[in-house]
Protein backbone atom coordinates (compact mmCIF):
# COMPACT_ATOMS: atom_id res chain seq x y z
CA MET A 1 -5.45 5.06 -4.03
CA ASN A 2 -4.67 2.79 -6.49
CA VAL A 3 -1.24 1.72 -5.83
CA ILE A 4 -1.07 -0.14 -9.27
CA ALA A 5 -2.19 2.59 -10.93
CA THR A 6 0.45 4.72 -9.62
CA LYS A 7 3.43 2.37 -10.88
CA LYS A 8 4.60 1.81 -14.42
CA LEU A 9 3.11 -1.65 -16.16
CA GLN A 10 6.80 -1.77 -17.44
CA GLU A 11 8.33 -2.58 -14.10
CA HIS A 12 8.77 -6.06 -12.96
CA PHE A 13 8.38 -6.90 -9.51
CA ASP A 14 9.69 -10.64 -8.46
CA ILE A 15 6.34 -10.71 -6.42
CA VAL A 16 2.92 -8.95 -6.65
CA THR A 17 -0.43 -9.35 -4.21
CA LEU A 18 -3.28 -8.22 -4.58
CA LEU A 19 -6.02 -7.50 -1.76
CA LYS A 20 -9.10 -6.04 -3.13
CA GLY A 21 -12.56 -6.20 -2.40
CA VAL A 22 -13.18 -4.55 1.27
CA ASN A 23 -13.76 -1.30 -0.01
CA ASP A 24 -16.36 -2.62 -2.56
CA GLN A 25 -18.27 -4.01 0.24
CA TYR A 26 -18.32 -1.68 2.49
CA GLN A 27 -19.70 0.72 -0.07
CA HIS A 28 -22.45 -1.58 -1.12
CA LEU A 29 -20.84 -2.00 -4.48
CA ASP A 30 -22.63 -4.39 -6.62
CA THR A 31 -20.86 -7.94 -7.34
CA THR A 32 -21.20 -7.95 -11.28
CA GLY A 33 -19.37 -4.72 -11.26
CA TYR A 34 -16.70 -5.56 -8.49
CA LYS A 35 -16.06 -9.26 -10.90
CA LYS A 36 -15.02 -6.59 -13.65
CA ARG A 37 -12.65 -4.76 -11.24
CA PHE A 38 -11.22 -7.07 -9.62
CA GLU A 39 -10.03 -8.75 -12.98
CA GLU A 40 -8.62 -5.52 -14.24
CA CYS A 41 -6.73 -5.24 -11.39
CA LEU A 42 -5.63 -8.78 -11.66
CA VAL A 43 -4.90 -8.21 -15.31
CA LYS A 44 -2.28 -5.54 -14.18
CA ALA A 45 -0.78 -7.42 -11.20
CA ILE A 46 0.06 -9.75 -13.75
CA LEU A 47 1.74 -7.89 -15.77
CA LEU A 48 3.77 -6.37 -12.86
CA SER A 49 4.98 -10.03 -12.17
CA GLY A 50 6.58 -10.00 -15.70
CA LYS A 51 3.24 -11.88 -16.76
CA ILE A 52 4.59 -14.65 -14.45
CA LYS A 53 0.89 -15.61 -12.70
CA GLU A 54 2.36 -17.72 -10.24
CA HIS A 55 4.31 -14.96 -8.99
CA VAL A 56 0.92 -13.14 -8.35
CA PHE A 57 -0.80 -13.99 -4.47
CA VAL A 58 -4.11 -12.63 -3.90
CA LEU A 59 -5.30 -12.59 -0.32
CA PHE A 60 -8.72 -13.00 0.73
CA ILE A 61 -10.40 -9.95 1.78
CA PRO A 62 -10.17 -9.97 6.08
CA ASP A 63 -13.49 -10.80 8.20
CA TYR A 64 -13.52 -7.04 9.78
CA SER A 65 -17.14 -8.28 11.08
CA VAL A 66 -15.17 -9.56 14.03
CA ILE A 67 -13.11 -6.16 14.80
CA PRO A 68 -14.45 -3.72 17.61
CA CYS A 69 -15.00 -0.90 14.77
CA ALA A 70 -18.23 -3.63 13.84
CA LYS A 71 -19.76 -3.87 16.56
CA ASP A 72 -22.66 -1.51 15.81
CA SER A 73 -23.05 -2.79 12.33
CA ASP A 74 -25.39 -5.87 10.93
CA THR A 75 -22.29 -8.41 11.12
CA ALA A 76 -23.69 -11.45 10.03
CA LYS A 77 -24.18 -9.18 6.48
CA ILE A 78 -20.85 -8.31 6.61
CA LYS A 79 -19.68 -12.18 7.19
CA ILE A 80 -22.11 -13.46 3.88
CA GLU A 81 -20.79 -10.01 1.65
CA LEU A 82 -17.53 -11.00 2.43
CA ASP A 83 -17.85 -14.58 1.72
CA ILE A 84 -19.41 -13.68 -1.65
CA PHE A 85 -16.52 -11.19 -2.72
CA ASN A 86 -13.70 -13.69 -1.51
CA ALA A 87 -15.62 -16.35 -3.56
CA ILE A 88 -15.46 -14.18 -7.01
CA ASN A 89 -11.84 -13.69 -6.29
CA GLN A 90 -11.11 -17.67 -6.44
CA SER A 91 -13.19 -17.70 -9.36
CA PRO A 92 -11.33 -18.88 -12.80
């Protein structure tokens, strides 16, 4: 569930965190579409912060390739893909 979608955008919060991308990577969704989806969520997060960008914190996608549930996966590929998604999160 998209938590941002459940909040009224008229509400304002002192701090807003955004963690997006792990599901996109896990489901092998394309990075071009991800950039657009991330930007949409970021705009909503900024609105929820009362339009104070400095109150929005974007969290890195954690590297789940190192946890036991990923042991049967291509962990090198996961790490590379997560690096790509995190780079998108940092891009202007």
